[in-house]
Structures are given as C-alpha cells and as structure tokens.
Amino acid sequence: MQKYSKYKVLHRISYIVFFSYLLILAILKFNFGQYNDYAAYFIIVPFLIYCAIAISITILARKSRSKKYITG
C-alpha cells in the first residue's frame, strides 16, 4: 500500500478538514442571522464534497492498481 501513499494522504487531509470544520461549527456558536433556513447546507455541502473526494480517490487508486497489473 506504500505505492498509494499520495492517495492516502489526500484522503486523510480531506477527512481532517471536514471533521475540523464540523468541530468548529459545533463548538463555536455561529449565528447565521437571516440565513437560518440554509444552515443545514453548511453541513450537507461539505459532506458531499468529502464523499466525492473519497470516492474519486478510491477510483484513482483502483485504476492505478489495475494499470500496474496490466502493464506488469
């Protein structure tokens, strides 16, 4: 798995950033003011971005793994 360390690093960075963002939202008492209706999007949109990053990293790792097996 050492060959895929760049993918693991990208995944770890996105994981740390997402959960740090959630922690900041939870600890600090943000006042969304007139945008209280959109407060859920401040959690949903970063989660979807994190999921997209995780899925794309998995796909890239599998493609590079299969490419190395094909080329030898």
PDB file of N, CA and C in Angstrom:
ATOM      1  N   MET A   1       0.827  -1.199   0.000  1.00  0.00           N
ATOM      2  CA  MET A   1       0.000   0.000   0.000  1.00  0.00           C
ATOM      3  C   MET A   1       0.868   1.258   0.000  1.00  0.00           C
ATOM      4  N   GLN A   2       2.167   1.075   0.033  1.00  0.00           N
ATOM      5  CA  GLN A   2       3.060   2.226   0.039  1.00  0.00           C
ATOM      6  C   GLN A   2       3.009   2.973  -1.291  1.00  0.00           C
ATOM      7  N   LYS A   3       2.632   2.256  -2.352  1.00  0.00           N
ATOM      8  CA  LYS A   3       2.555   2.878  -3.671  1.00  0.00           C
ATOM      9  C   LYS A   3       1.438   3.900  -3.756  1.00  0.00           C
ATOM     10  N   TYR A   4       0.433   3.740  -2.915  1.00  0.00           N
ATOM     11  CA  TYR A   4      -0.736   4.610  -2.972  1.00  0.00           C
ATOM     12  C   TYR A   4      -0.742   5.621  -1.842  1.00  0.00           C
ATOM     13  N   SER A   5       0.445   5.972  -1.367  1.00  0.00           N
ATOM     14  CA  SER A   5       0.531   6.876  -0.218  1.00  0.00           C
ATOM     15  C   SER A   5       0.005   8.268  -0.550  1.00  0.00           C
ATOM     16  N   LYS A   6       0.158   8.712  -1.798  1.00  0.00           N
ATOM     17  CA  LYS A   6      -0.354  10.037  -2.143  1.00  0.00           C
ATOM     18  C   LYS A   6      -1.879  10.066  -2.062  1.00  0.00           C
ATOM     19  N   TYR A   7      -2.533   8.951  -2.413  1.00  0.00           N
ATOM     20  CA  TYR A   7      -3.984   8.901  -2.306  1.00  0.00           C
ATOM     21  C   TYR A   7      -4.421   8.850  -0.848  1.00  0.00           C
ATOM     22  N   LYS A   8      -3.674   8.111  -0.037  1.00  0.00           N
ATOM     23  CA  LYS A   8      -3.995   8.032   1.379  1.00  0.00           C
ATOM     24  C   LYS A   8      -3.817   9.387   2.049  1.00  0.00           C
ATOM     25  N   VAL A   9      -2.796  10.123   1.658  1.00  0.00           N
ATOM     26  CA  VAL A   9      -2.562  11.451   2.225  1.00  0.00           C
ATOM     27  C   VAL A   9      -3.689  12.404   1.840  1.00  0.00           C
ATOM     28  N   LEU A  10      -4.113  12.372   0.584  1.00  0.00           N
ATOM     29  CA  LEU A  10      -5.219  13.228   0.151  1.00  0.00           C
ATOM     30  C   LEU A  10      -6.502  12.895   0.903  1.00  0.00           C
ATOM     31  N   HIS A  11      -6.753  11.613   1.103  1.00  0.00           N
ATOM     32  CA  HIS A  11      -7.949  11.208   1.827  1.00  0.00           C
ATOM     33  C   HIS A  11      -7.875  11.651   3.279  1.00  0.00           C
ATOM     34  N   ARG A  12      -6.739  11.487   3.906  1.00  0.00           N
ATOM     35  CA  ARG A  12      -6.579  11.915   5.304  1.00  0.00           C
ATOM     36  C   ARG A  12      -6.747  13.414   5.458  1.00  0.00           C
ATOM     37  N   ILE A  13      -6.190  14.177   4.519  1.00  0.00           N
ATOM     38  CA  ILE A  13      -6.316  15.638   4.580  1.00  0.00           C
ATOM     39  C   ILE A  13      -7.777  16.050   4.455  1.00  0.00           C
ATOM     40  N   SER A  14      -8.492  15.463   3.511  1.00  0.00           N
ATOM     41  CA  SER A  14      -9.908  15.820   3.352  1.00  0.00           C
ATOM     42  C   SER A  14     -10.711  15.402   4.567  1.00  0.00           C
ATOM     43  N   TYR A  15     -10.386  14.258   5.158  1.00  0.00           N
ATOM     44  CA  TYR A  15     -11.057  13.782   6.372  1.00  0.00           C
ATOM     45  C   TYR A  15     -10.822  14.749   7.527  1.00  0.00           C
ATOM     46  N   ILE A  16      -9.592  15.156   7.722  1.00  0.00           N
ATOM     47  CA  ILE A  16      -9.250  16.074   8.812  1.00  0.00           C
ATOM     48  C   ILE A  16      -9.918  17.426   8.612  1.00  0.00           C
ATOM     49  N   VAL A  17      -9.906  17.928   7.394  1.00  0.00           N
ATOM     50  CA  VAL A  17     -10.516  19.232   7.117  1.00  0.00           C
ATOM     51  C   VAL A  17     -12.019  19.196   7.346  1.00  0.00           C
ATOM     52  N   PHE A  18     -12.679  18.142   6.874  1.00  0.00           N
ATOM     53  CA  PHE A  18     -14.124  18.058   7.032  1.00  0.00           C
ATOM     54  C   PHE A  18     -14.526  17.975   8.493  1.00  0.00           C
ATOM     55  N   PHE A  19     -13.886  17.094   9.250  1.00  0.00           N
ATOM     56  CA  PHE A  19     -14.285  16.952  10.640  1.00  0.00           C
ATOM     57  C   PHE A  19     -13.810  18.119  11.505  1.00  0.00           C
ATOM     58  N   SER A  20     -12.748  18.789  11.110  1.00  0.00           N
ATOM     59  CA  SER A  20     -12.368  20.028  11.802  1.00  0.00           C
ATOM     60  C   SER A  20     -13.416  21.112  11.564  1.00  0.00           C
ATOM     61  N   TYR A  21     -13.910  21.170  10.343  1.00  0.00           N
ATOM     62  CA  TYR A  21     -14.973  22.120  10.012  1.00  0.00           C
ATOM     63  C   TYR A  21     -16.225  21.849  10.841  1.00  0.00           C
ATOM     64  N   LEU A  22     -16.602  20.562  10.949  1.00  0.00           N
ATOM     65  CA  LEU A  22     -17.762  20.214  11.772  1.00  0.00           C
ATOM     66  C   LEU A  22     -17.528  20.543  13.242  1.00  0.00           C
ATOM     67  N   LEU A  23     -16.322  20.309  13.705  1.00  0.00           N
ATOM     68  CA  LEU A  23     -15.995  20.624  15.092  1.00  0.00           C
ATOM     69  C   LEU A  23     -16.070  22.124  15.350  1.00  0.00           C
ATOM     70  N   ILE A  24     -15.582  22.902  14.413  1.00  0.00           N
ATOM     71  CA  ILE A  24     -15.654  24.367  14.555  1.00  0.00           C
ATOM     72  C   ILE A  24     -17.106  24.820  14.564  1.00  0.00           C
ATOM     73  N   LEU A  25     -17.922  24.263  13.680  1.00  0.00           N
ATOM     74  CA  LEU A  25     -19.341  24.617  13.671  1.00  0.00           C
ATOM     75  C   LEU A  25     -20.023  24.224  14.970  1.00  0.00           C
ATOM     76  N   ALA A  26     -19.620  23.095  15.550  1.00  0.00           N
ATOM     77  CA  ALA A  26     -20.263  22.621  16.771  1.00  0.00           C
ATOM     78  C   ALA A  26     -19.829  23.418  17.995  1.00  0.00           C
ATOM     79  N   ILE A  27     -18.561  23.745  18.080  1.00  0.00           N
ATOM     80  CA  ILE A  27     -18.049  24.416  19.279  1.00  0.00           C
ATOM     81  C   ILE A  27     -18.391  25.904  19.275  1.00  0.00           C
ATOM     82  N   LEU A  28     -18.108  26.557  18.176  1.00  0.00           N
ATOM     83  CA  LEU A  28     -18.408  27.982  18.093  1.00  0.00           C
ATOM     84  C   LEU A  28     -19.891  28.150  17.810  1.00  0.00           C
ATOM     85  N   LYS A  29     -20.463  29.096  18.435  1.00  0.00           N
ATOM     86  CA  LYS A  29     -21.902  29.321  18.259  1.00  0.00           C
ATOM     87  C   LYS A  29     -22.112  30.321  17.131  1.00  0.00           C
ATOM     88  N   PHE A  30     -22.176  29.765  15.918  1.00  0.00           N
ATOM     89  CA  PHE A  30     -22.386  30.612  14.763  1.00  0.00           C
ATOM     90  C   PHE A  30     -23.825  31.108  14.741  1.00  0.00           C
ATOM     91  N   ASN A  31     -23.974  32.349  14.399  1.00  0.00           N
ATOM     92  CA  ASN A  31     -25.283  32.931  14.204  1.00  0.00           C
ATOM     93  C   ASN A  31     -25.437  33.176  12.711  1.00  0.00           C
ATOM     94  N   PHE A  32     -26.305  32.425  12.095  1.00  0.00           N
ATOM     95  CA  PHE A  32     -26.480  32.545  10.655  1.00  0.00           C
ATOM     96  C   PHE A  32     -27.374  33.709  10.271  1.00  0.00           C
ATOM     97  N   GLY A  33     -27.901  34.381  11.261  1.00  0.00           N
ATOM     98  CA  GLY A  33     -28.706  35.569  11.013  1.00  0.00           C
ATOM     99  C   GLY A  33     -29.948  35.261  10.206  1.00  0.00           C
ATOM    100  N   GLN A  34     -30.103  35.977   9.116  1.00  0.00           N
ATOM    101  CA  GLN A  34     -31.295  35.788   8.289  1.00  0.00           C
ATOM    102  C   GLN A  34     -31.209  34.531   7.429  1.00  0.00           C
ATOM    103  N   TYR A  35     -30.072  33.834   7.483  1.00  0.00           N
ATOM    104  CA  TYR A  35     -29.877  32.629   6.677  1.00  0.00           C
ATOM    105  C   TYR A  35     -30.039  31.351   7.501  1.00  0.00           C
ATOM    106  N   ASN A  36     -30.858  31.370   8.543  1.00  0.00           N
ATOM    107  CA  ASN A  36     -31.071  30.178   9.366  1.00  0.00           C
ATOM    108  C   ASN A  36     -31.681  29.032   8.585  1.00  0.00           C
ATOM    109  N   ASP A  37     -32.446  29.336   7.548  1.00  0.00           N
ATOM    110  CA  ASP A  37     -33.041  28.278   6.729  1.00  0.00           C
ATOM    111  C   ASP A  37     -31.983  27.500   5.952  1.00  0.00           C
ATOM    112  N   TYR A  38     -30.849  28.123   5.699  1.00  0.00           N
ATOM    113  CA  TYR A  38     -29.788  27.495   4.917  1.00  0.00           C
ATOM    114  C   TYR A  38     -28.702  26.879   5.790  1.00  0.00           C
ATOM    115  N   ALA A  39     -28.899  26.827   7.080  1.00  0.00           N
ATOM    116  CA  ALA A  39     -27.874  26.312   7.996  1.00  0.00           C
ATOM    117  C   ALA A  39     -27.546  24.849   7.725  1.00  0.00           C
ATOM    118  N   ALA A  40     -28.516  24.071   7.310  1.00  0.00           N
ATOM    119  CA  ALA A  40     -28.251  22.658   7.022  1.00  0.00           C
ATOM    120  C   ALA A  40     -27.292  22.495   5.844  1.00  0.00           C
ATOM    121  N   TYR A  41     -27.324  23.429   4.914  1.00  0.00           N
ATOM    122  CA  TYR A  41     -26.432  23.342   3.765  1.00  0.00           C
ATOM    123  C   TYR A  41     -24.973  23.555   4.154  1.00  0.00           C
ATOM    124  N   PHE A  42     -24.734  24.196   5.297  1.00  0.00           N
ATOM    125  CA  PHE A  42     -23.369  24.374   5.771  1.00  0.00           C
ATOM    126  C   PHE A  42     -22.781  23.054   6.258  1.00  0.00           C
ATOM    127  N   ILE A  43     -23.603  22.040   6.423  1.00  0.00           N
ATOM    128  CA  ILE A  43     -23.131  20.708   6.792  1.00  0.00           C
ATOM    129  C   ILE A  43     -23.240  19.752   5.607  1.00  0.00           C
ATOM    130  N   ILE A  44     -24.314  19.837   4.870  1.00  0.00           N
ATOM    131  CA  ILE A  44     -24.558  18.894   3.776  1.00  0.00           C
ATOM    132  C   ILE A  44     -23.576  19.083   2.625  1.00  0.00           C
ATOM    133  N   VAL A  45     -23.338  20.315   2.221  1.00  0.00           N
ATOM    134  CA  VAL A  45     -22.463  20.574   1.075  1.00  0.00           C
ATOM    135  C   VAL A  45     -21.019  20.126   1.356  1.00  0.00           C
ATOM    136  N   PRO A  46     -20.418  20.471   2.508  1.00  0.00           N
ATOM    137  CA  PRO A  46     -19.072  19.936   2.767  1.00  0.00           C
ATOM    138  C   PRO A  46     -19.038  18.413   2.867  1.00  0.00           C
ATOM    139  N   PHE A  47     -20.108  17.803   3.389  1.00  0.00           N
ATOM    140  CA  PHE A  47     -20.156  16.340   3.449  1.00  0.00           C
ATOM    141  C   PHE A  47     -20.170  15.744   2.053  1.00  0.00           C
ATOM    142  N   LEU A  48     -20.942  16.321   1.153  1.00  0.00           N
ATOM    143  CA  LEU A  48     -20.982  15.822  -0.220  1.00  0.00           C
ATOM    144  C   LEU A  48     -19.631  16.006  -0.917  1.00  0.00           C
ATOM    145  N   ILE A  49     -18.969  17.108  -0.630  1.00  0.00           N
ATOM    146  CA  ILE A  49     -17.630  17.335  -1.192  1.00  0.00           C
ATOM    147  C   ILE A  49     -16.656  16.288  -0.666  1.00  0.00           C
ATOM    148  N   TYR A  50     -16.734  16.016   0.651  1.00  0.00           N
ATOM    149  CA  TYR A  50     -15.872  14.987   1.236  1.00  0.00           C
ATOM    150  C   TYR A  50     -16.151  13.617   0.614  1.00  0.00           C
ATOM    151  N   CYS A  51     -17.412  13.280   0.427  1.00  0.00           N
ATOM    152  CA  CYS A  51     -17.764  11.993  -0.185  1.00  0.00           C
ATOM    153  C   CYS A  51     -17.254  11.909  -1.615  1.00  0.00           C
ATOM    154  N   ALA A  52     -17.358  12.987  -2.360  1.00  0.00           N
ATOM    155  CA  ALA A  52     -16.862  12.999  -3.736  1.00  0.00           C
ATOM    156  C   ALA A  52     -15.347  12.806  -3.770  1.00  0.00           C
ATOM    157  N   ILE A  53     -14.648  13.447  -2.846  1.00  0.00           N
ATOM    158  CA  ILE A  53     -13.197  13.281  -2.776  1.00  0.00           C
ATOM    159  C   ILE A  53     -12.844  11.840  -2.419  1.00  0.00           C
ATOM    160  N   ALA A  54     -13.532  11.271  -1.435  1.00  0.00           N
ATOM    161  CA  ALA A  54     -13.247   9.898  -1.014  1.00  0.00           C
ATOM    162  C   ALA A  54     -13.511   8.902  -2.140  1.00  0.00           C
ATOM    163  N   ILE A  55     -14.610   9.083  -2.851  1.00  0.00           N
ATOM    164  CA  ILE A  55     -14.939   8.176  -3.955  1.00  0.00           C
ATOM    165  C   ILE A  55     -13.940   8.323  -5.095  1.00  0.00           C
ATOM    166  N   SER A  56     -13.584   9.549  -5.436  1.00  0.00           N
ATOM    167  CA  SER A  56     -12.635   9.747  -6.537  1.00  0.00           C
ATOM    168  C   SER A  56     -11.251   9.212  -6.180  1.00  0.00           C
ATOM    169  N   ILE A  57     -10.840   9.328  -4.928  1.00  0.00           N
ATOM    170  CA  ILE A  57      -9.551   8.785  -4.523  1.00  0.00           C
ATOM    171  C   ILE A  57      -9.569   7.260  -4.599  1.00  0.00           C
ATOM    172  N   THR A  58     -10.667   6.652  -4.197  1.00  0.00           N
ATOM    173  CA  THR A  58     -10.791   5.201  -4.310  1.00  0.00           C
ATOM    174  C   THR A  58     -10.724   4.761  -5.766  1.00  0.00           C
ATOM    175  N   ILE A  59     -11.392   5.478  -6.634  1.00  0.00           N
ATOM    176  CA  ILE A  59     -11.376   5.146  -8.062  1.00  0.00           C
ATOM    177  C   ILE A  59      -9.968   5.308  -8.627  1.00  0.00           C
ATOM    178  N   LEU A  60      -9.280   6.389  -8.270  1.00  0.00           N
ATOM    179  CA  LEU A  60      -7.919   6.605  -8.768  1.00  0.00           C
ATOM    180  C   LEU A  60      -6.972   5.512  -8.288  1.00  0.00           C
ATOM    181  N   ALA A  61      -7.102   5.097  -7.035  1.00  0.00           N
ATOM    182  CA  ALA A  61      -6.237   4.037  -6.509  1.00  0.00           C
ATOM    183  C   ALA A  61      -6.500   2.722  -7.236  1.00  0.00           C
ATOM    184  N   ARG A  62      -7.766   2.406  -7.489  1.00  0.00           N
ATOM    185  CA  ARG A  62      -8.083   1.162  -8.197  1.00  0.00           C
ATOM    186  C   ARG A  62      -7.593   1.196  -9.642  1.00  0.00           C
ATOM    187  N   LYS A  63      -7.722   2.366 -10.290  1.00  0.00           N
ATOM    188  CA  LYS A  63      -7.243   2.472 -11.667  1.00  0.00           C
ATOM    189  C   LYS A  63      -5.736   2.301 -11.735  1.00  0.00           C
ATOM    190  N   SER A  64      -5.021   2.940 -10.825  1.00  0.00           N
ATOM    191  CA  SER A  64      -3.564   2.813 -10.857  1.00  0.00           C
ATOM    192  C   SER A  64      -3.136   1.405 -10.483  1.00  0.00           C
ATOM    193  N   ARG A  65      -3.875   0.746  -9.600  1.00  0.00           N
ATOM    194  CA  ARG A  65      -3.565  -0.639  -9.233  1.00  0.00           C
ATOM    195  C   ARG A  65      -3.793  -1.563 -10.416  1.00  0.00           C
ATOM    196  N   SER A  66      -4.911  -1.393 -11.126  1.00  0.00           N
ATOM    197  CA  SER A  66      -5.195  -2.259 -12.269  1.00  0.00           C
ATOM    198  C   SER A  66      -4.241  -1.967 -13.423  1.00  0.00           C
ATOM    199  N   LYS A  67      -3.832  -0.727 -13.581  1.00  0.00           N
ATOM    200  CA  LYS A  67      -2.897  -0.372 -14.643  1.00  0.00           C
ATOM    201  C   LYS A  67      -1.559  -1.035 -14.399  1.00  0.00           C
ATOM    202  N   LYS A  68      -1.115  -1.102 -13.149  1.00  0.00           N
ATOM    203  CA  LYS A  68       0.181  -1.739 -12.848  1.00  0.00           C
ATOM    204  C   LYS A  68       0.122  -3.240 -13.065  1.00  0.00           C
ATOM    205  N   TYR A  69      -1.044  -3.863 -12.798  1.00  0.00           N
ATOM    206  CA  TYR A  69      -1.161  -5.292 -13.033  1.00  0.00           C
ATOM    207  C   TYR A  69      -1.194  -5.608 -14.523  1.00  0.00           C
ATOM    208  N   ILE A  70      -1.801  -4.730 -15.299  1.00  0.00           N
ATOM    209  CA  ILE A  70      -1.882  -4.974 -16.751  1.00  0.00           C
ATOM    210  C   ILE A  70      -0.516  -4.793 -17.411  1.00  0.00           C
ATOM    211  N   THR A  71       0.194  -3.708 -17.047  1.00  0.00           N
ATOM    212  CA  THR A  71       1.474  -3.427 -17.680  1.00  0.00           C
ATOM    213  C   THR A  71       2.589  -4.294 -17.124  1.00  0.00           C
ATOM    214  N   GLY A  72       2.393  -4.837 -15.947  1.00  0.00           N
ATOM    215  CA  GLY A  72       3.382  -5.757 -15.390  1.00  0.00           C
ATOM    216  C   GLY A  72       4.278  -5.064 -14.490  1.00  0.00           C
TER     217      GLY A  72
END
